[in-house]
Amino acid sequence: MPFSALFVFSTDALGGVSLPFTWPAALPPATEIYYQIAVQDGAAVQGVALSNALQSIAP
């Protein structure tokens, strides 16, 4: 089941963002987490631009 969370942040002039994150120690190795970012964009269709899907894998 998809999990949804809302975080408010700003991008830099090039559209980049740094999201500091501490990986939970309780996750087993090789746990995969997928996420996607939506950004308000007045020039985009419906006023929102989406990132590609991103993946993180626990060490």
PDB file of N, CA and C in Angstrom:
ATOM      1  N   MET A   1       0.841  -1.167   0.000  1.00  0.00           N
ATOM      2  CA  MET A   1       0.000   0.000   0.000  1.00  0.00           C
ATOM      3  C   MET A   1       0.892   1.238   0.000  1.00  0.00           C
ATOM      4  N   PRO A   2       0.654   2.174  -0.893  1.00  0.00           N
ATOM      5  CA  PRO A   2       1.480   3.384  -0.945  1.00  0.00           C
ATOM      6  C   PRO A   2       1.338   4.216   0.322  1.00  0.00           C
ATOM      7  N   PHE A   3       2.435   4.774   0.730  1.00  0.00           N
ATOM      8  CA  PHE A   3       2.456   5.684   1.872  1.00  0.00           C
ATOM      9  C   PHE A   3       2.667   7.082   1.327  1.00  0.00           C
ATOM     10  N   SER A   4       1.940   8.047   1.817  1.00  0.00           N
ATOM     11  CA  SER A   4       2.062   9.417   1.339  1.00  0.00           C
ATOM     12  C   SER A   4       2.412  10.323   2.507  1.00  0.00           C
ATOM     13  N   ALA A   5       3.373  11.218   2.282  1.00  0.00           N
ATOM     14  CA  ALA A   5       3.747  12.182   3.308  1.00  0.00           C
ATOM     15  C   ALA A   5       3.959  13.533   2.633  1.00  0.00           C
ATOM     16  N   LEU A   6       3.683  14.585   3.341  1.00  0.00           N
ATOM     17  CA  LEU A   6       3.845  15.926   2.806  1.00  0.00           C
ATOM     18  C   LEU A   6       4.954  16.633   3.561  1.00  0.00           C
ATOM     19  N   PHE A   7       5.962  17.100   2.832  1.00  0.00           N
ATOM     20  CA  PHE A   7       7.054  17.871   3.397  1.00  0.00           C
ATOM     21  C   PHE A   7       7.152  19.162   2.600  1.00  0.00           C
ATOM     22  N   VAL A   8       7.292  20.271   3.267  1.00  0.00           N
ATOM     23  CA  VAL A   8       7.414  21.554   2.586  1.00  0.00           C
ATOM     24  C   VAL A   8       8.889  21.935   2.551  1.00  0.00           C
ATOM     25  N   PHE A   9       9.385  22.266   1.355  1.00  0.00           N
ATOM     26  CA  PHE A   9      10.786  22.645   1.194  1.00  0.00           C
ATOM     27  C   PHE A   9      10.906  23.550  -0.015  1.00  0.00           C
ATOM     28  N   SER A  10      12.061  24.170  -0.175  1.00  0.00           N
ATOM     29  CA  SER A  10      12.326  25.039  -1.320  1.00  0.00           C
ATOM     30  C   SER A  10      13.455  24.456  -2.151  1.00  0.00           C
ATOM     31  N   THR A  11      13.413  24.722  -3.448  1.00  0.00           N
ATOM     32  CA  THR A  11      14.495  24.286  -4.328  1.00  0.00           C
ATOM     33  C   THR A  11      15.466  25.438  -4.539  1.00  0.00           C
ATOM     34  N   ASP A  12      16.683  25.111  -5.002  1.00  0.00           N
ATOM     35  CA  ASP A  12      17.638  26.160  -5.345  1.00  0.00           C
ATOM     36  C   ASP A  12      17.325  26.694  -6.740  1.00  0.00           C
ATOM     37  N   ALA A  13      18.144  27.606  -7.243  1.00  0.00           N
ATOM     38  CA  ALA A  13      17.889  28.247  -8.539  1.00  0.00           C
ATOM     39  C   ALA A  13      17.851  27.256  -9.702  1.00  0.00           C
ATOM     40  N   LEU A  14      18.517  26.115  -9.555  1.00  0.00           N
ATOM     41  CA  LEU A  14      18.539  25.104 -10.608  1.00  0.00           C
ATOM     42  C   LEU A  14      17.483  24.014 -10.402  1.00  0.00           C
ATOM     43  N   GLY A  15      16.666  24.165  -9.378  1.00  0.00           N
ATOM     44  CA  GLY A  15      15.611  23.185  -9.118  1.00  0.00           C
ATOM     45  C   GLY A  15      16.062  22.030  -8.244  1.00  0.00           C
ATOM     46  N   GLY A  16      17.276  22.106  -7.706  1.00  0.00           N
ATOM     47  CA  GLY A  16      17.797  21.029  -6.852  1.00  0.00           C
ATOM     48  C   GLY A  16      17.333  21.184  -5.410  1.00  0.00           C
ATOM     49  N   VAL A  17      17.302  20.078  -4.724  1.00  0.00           N
ATOM     50  CA  VAL A  17      16.928  20.090  -3.314  1.00  0.00           C
ATOM     51  C   VAL A  17      17.758  19.038  -2.585  1.00  0.00           C
ATOM     52  N   SER A  18      18.154  19.354  -1.383  1.00  0.00           N
ATOM     53  CA  SER A  18      18.875  18.398  -0.546  1.00  0.00           C
ATOM     54  C   SER A  18      17.969  18.043   0.620  1.00  0.00           C
ATOM     55  N   LEU A  19      17.708  16.769   0.784  1.00  0.00           N
ATOM     56  CA  LEU A  19      16.831  16.317   1.856  1.00  0.00           C
ATOM     57  C   LEU A  19      17.629  15.471   2.837  1.00  0.00           C
ATOM     58  N   PRO A  20      18.100  16.075   3.927  1.00  0.00           N
ATOM     59  CA  PRO A  20      18.853  15.297   4.909  1.00  0.00           C
ATOM     60  C   PRO A  20      17.977  14.199   5.504  1.00  0.00           C
ATOM     61  N   PHE A  21      18.527  13.027   5.618  1.00  0.00           N
ATOM     62  CA  PHE A  21      17.744  11.877   6.052  1.00  0.00           C
ATOM     63  C   PHE A  21      18.654  10.922   6.812  1.00  0.00           C
ATOM     64  N   THR A  22      18.223  10.494   7.960  1.00  0.00           N
ATOM     65  CA  THR A  22      18.951   9.478   8.726  1.00  0.00           C
ATOM     66  C   THR A  22      18.244   8.150   8.517  1.00  0.00           C
ATOM     67  N   TRP A  23      18.969   7.191   7.958  1.00  0.00           N
ATOM     68  CA  TRP A  23      18.391   5.887   7.676  1.00  0.00           C
ATOM     69  C   TRP A  23      18.090   5.175   8.988  1.00  0.00           C
ATOM     70  N   PRO A  24      16.862   4.703   9.204  1.00  0.00           N
ATOM     71  CA  PRO A  24      16.530   4.008  10.459  1.00  0.00           C
ATOM     72  C   PRO A  24      17.382   2.755  10.647  1.00  0.00           C
ATOM     73  N   ALA A  25      17.986   2.634  11.803  1.00  0.00           N
ATOM     74  CA  ALA A  25      18.883   1.505  12.092  1.00  0.00           C
ATOM     75  C   ALA A  25      18.148   0.163  12.107  1.00  0.00           C
ATOM     76  N   ALA A  26      16.856   0.183  12.354  1.00  0.00           N
ATOM     77  CA  ALA A  26      16.102  -1.068  12.472  1.00  0.00           C
ATOM     78  C   ALA A  26      15.761  -1.712  11.132  1.00  0.00           C
ATOM     79  N   LEU A  27      15.992  -1.012  10.022  1.00  0.00           N
ATOM     80  CA  LEU A  27      15.675  -1.606   8.721  1.00  0.00           C
ATOM     81  C   LEU A  27      16.699  -2.670   8.355  1.00  0.00           C
ATOM     82  N   PRO A  28      16.244  -3.798   7.875  1.00  0.00           N
ATOM     83  CA  PRO A  28      17.176  -4.842   7.464  1.00  0.00           C
ATOM     84  C   PRO A  28      17.977  -4.401   6.233  1.00  0.00           C
ATOM     85  N   PRO A  29      19.173  -4.934   6.061  1.00  0.00           N
ATOM     86  CA  PRO A  29      19.967  -4.608   4.870  1.00  0.00           C
ATOM     87  C   PRO A  29      19.192  -4.925   3.594  1.00  0.00           C
ATOM     88  N   ALA A  30      19.411  -4.117   2.584  1.00  0.00           N
ATOM     89  CA  ALA A  30      18.812  -4.265   1.252  1.00  0.00           C
ATOM     90  C   ALA A  30      17.324  -3.906   1.205  1.00  0.00           C
ATOM     91  N   THR A  31      16.781  -3.293   2.270  1.00  0.00           N
ATOM     92  CA  THR A  31      15.407  -2.811   2.224  1.00  0.00           C
ATOM     93  C   THR A  31      15.323  -1.700   1.187  1.00  0.00           C
ATOM     94  N   GLU A  32      14.332  -1.761   0.312  1.00  0.00           N
ATOM     95  CA  GLU A  32      14.172  -0.771  -0.743  1.00  0.00           C
ATOM     96  C   GLU A  32      13.034   0.188  -0.415  1.00  0.00           C
ATOM     97  N   ILE A  33      13.278   1.473  -0.631  1.00  0.00           N
ATOM     98  CA  ILE A  33      12.249   2.489  -0.459  1.00  0.00           C
ATOM     99  C   ILE A  33      12.183   3.285  -1.761  1.00  0.00           C
ATOM    100  N   TYR A  34      10.978   3.472  -2.278  1.00  0.00           N
ATOM    101  CA  TYR A  34      10.764   4.240  -3.504  1.00  0.00           C
ATOM    102  C   TYR A  34      10.008   5.511  -3.150  1.00  0.00           C
ATOM    103  N   TYR A  35      10.323   6.596  -3.825  1.00  0.00           N
ATOM    104  CA  TYR A  35       9.633   7.847  -3.568  1.00  0.00           C
ATOM    105  C   TYR A  35       9.639   8.717  -4.812  1.00  0.00           C
ATOM    106  N   GLN A  36       8.783   9.737  -4.783  1.00  0.00           N
ATOM    107  CA  GLN A  36       8.659  10.667  -5.891  1.00  0.00           C
ATOM    108  C   GLN A  36       8.334  12.034  -5.297  1.00  0.00           C
ATOM    109  N   ILE A  37       8.800  13.082  -5.952  1.00  0.00           N
ATOM    110  CA  ILE A  37       8.594  14.436  -5.445  1.00  0.00           C
ATOM    111  C   ILE A  37       7.696  15.209  -6.421  1.00  0.00           C
ATOM    112  N   ALA A  38       6.717  15.905  -5.871  1.00  0.00           N
ATOM    113  CA  ALA A  38       5.865  16.806  -6.648  1.00  0.00           C
ATOM    114  C   ALA A  38       6.225  18.236  -6.255  1.00  0.00           C
ATOM    115  N   VAL A  39       6.397  19.091  -7.271  1.00  0.00           N
ATOM    116  CA  VAL A  39       6.797  20.470  -7.034  1.00  0.00           C
ATOM    117  C   VAL A  39       5.798  21.404  -7.702  1.00  0.00           C
ATOM    118  N   GLN A  40       5.360  22.426  -6.970  1.00  0.00           N
ATOM    119  CA  GLN A  40       4.471  23.420  -7.557  1.00  0.00           C
ATOM    120  C   GLN A  40       5.215  24.128  -8.687  1.00  0.00           C
ATOM    121  N   ASP A  41       4.619  24.172  -9.869  1.00  0.00           N
ATOM    122  CA  ASP A  41       5.260  24.757 -11.052  1.00  0.00           C
ATOM    123  C   ASP A  41       4.174  25.387 -11.922  1.00  0.00           C
ATOM    124  N   GLY A  42       4.123  26.707 -11.921  1.00  0.00           N
ATOM    125  CA  GLY A  42       3.090  27.417 -12.651  1.00  0.00           C
ATOM    126  C   GLY A  42       3.089  27.148 -14.147  1.00  0.00           C
ATOM    127  N   ALA A  43       4.229  26.713 -14.711  1.00  0.00           N
ATOM    128  CA  ALA A  43       4.318  26.443 -16.150  1.00  0.00           C
ATOM    129  C   ALA A  43       3.974  24.996 -16.503  1.00  0.00           C
ATOM    130  N   ALA A  44       3.804  24.144 -15.516  1.00  0.00           N
ATOM    131  CA  ALA A  44       3.535  22.724 -15.765  1.00  0.00           C
ATOM    132  C   ALA A  44       2.030  22.475 -15.918  1.00  0.00           C
ATOM    133  N   VAL A  45       1.697  21.343 -16.514  1.00  0.00           N
ATOM    134  CA  VAL A  45       0.293  20.942 -16.633  1.00  0.00           C
ATOM    135  C   VAL A  45      -0.290  20.797 -15.226  1.00  0.00           C
ATOM    136  N   GLN A  46      -1.434  21.379 -15.002  1.00  0.00           N
ATOM    137  CA  GLN A  46      -2.108  21.356 -13.700  1.00  0.00           C
ATOM    138  C   GLN A  46      -1.305  22.063 -12.604  1.00  0.00           C
ATOM    139  N   GLY A  47      -0.223  22.781 -12.965  1.00  0.00           N
ATOM    140  CA  GLY A  47       0.549  23.552 -11.993  1.00  0.00           C
ATOM    141  C   GLY A  47       1.477  22.745 -11.110  1.00  0.00           C
ATOM    142  N   VAL A  48       1.694  21.465 -11.466  1.00  0.00           N
ATOM    143  CA  VAL A  48       2.552  20.587 -10.659  1.00  0.00           C
ATOM    144  C   VAL A  48       3.490  19.813 -11.565  1.00  0.00           C
ATOM    145  N   ALA A  49       4.764  19.742 -11.185  1.00  0.00           N
ATOM    146  CA  ALA A  49       5.740  18.931 -11.903  1.00  0.00           C
ATOM    147  C   ALA A  49       6.168  17.778 -10.993  1.00  0.00           C
ATOM    148  N   LEU A  50       6.359  16.599 -11.578  1.00  0.00           N
ATOM    149  CA  LEU A  50       6.751  15.415 -10.802  1.00  0.00           C
ATOM    150  C   LEU A  50       8.162  14.984 -11.160  1.00  0.00           C
ATOM    151  N   SER A  51       8.902  14.520 -10.161  1.00  0.00           N
ATOM    152  CA  SER A  51      10.219  13.950 -10.409  1.00  0.00           C
ATOM    153  C   SER A  51      10.068  12.550 -10.977  1.00  0.00           C
ATOM    154  N   ASN A  52      11.159  11.994 -11.460  1.00  0.00           N
ATOM    155  CA  ASN A  52      11.182  10.567 -11.772  1.00  0.00           C
ATOM    156  C   ASN A  52      11.051   9.813 -10.459  1.00  0.00           C
ATOM    157  N   ALA A  53      10.685   8.555 -10.524  1.00  0.00           N
ATOM    158  CA  ALA A  53      10.666   7.733  -9.319  1.00  0.00           C
ATOM    159  C   ALA A  53      12.099   7.549  -8.844  1.00  0.00           C
ATOM    160  N   LEU A  54      12.306   7.651  -7.537  1.00  0.00           N
ATOM    161  CA  LEU A  54      13.635   7.512  -6.944  1.00  0.00           C
ATOM    162  C   LEU A  54      13.636   6.291  -6.040  1.00  0.00           C
ATOM    163  N   GLN A  55      14.803   5.690  -5.884  1.00  0.00           N
ATOM    164  CA  GLN A  55      14.933   4.486  -5.062  1.00  0.00           C
ATOM    165  C   GLN A  55      16.109   4.641  -4.123  1.00  0.00           C
ATOM    166  N   SER A  56      15.916   4.219  -2.878  1.00  0.00           N
ATOM    167  CA  SER A  56      16.991   4.136  -1.895  1.00  0.00           C
ATOM    168  C   SER A  56      17.053   2.685  -1.421  1.00  0.00           C
ATOM    169  N   ILE A  57      18.265   2.206  -1.182  1.00  0.00           N
ATOM    170  CA  ILE A  57      18.447   0.832  -0.686  1.00  0.00           C
ATOM    171  C   ILE A  57      19.278   0.902   0.588  1.00  0.00           C
ATOM    172  N   ALA A  58      18.767   0.282   1.656  1.00  0.00           N
ATOM    173  CA  ALA A  58      19.473   0.285   2.933  1.00  0.00           C
ATOM    174  C   ALA A  58      20.831  -0.384   2.788  1.00  0.00           C
ATOM    175  N   PRO A  59      21.839   0.191   3.429  1.00  0.00           N
ATOM    176  CA  PRO A  59      23.182  -0.421   3.373  1.00  0.00           C
ATOM    177  C   PRO A  59      23.232  -1.756   4.097  1.00  0.00           C
TER     178      PRO A  59
END
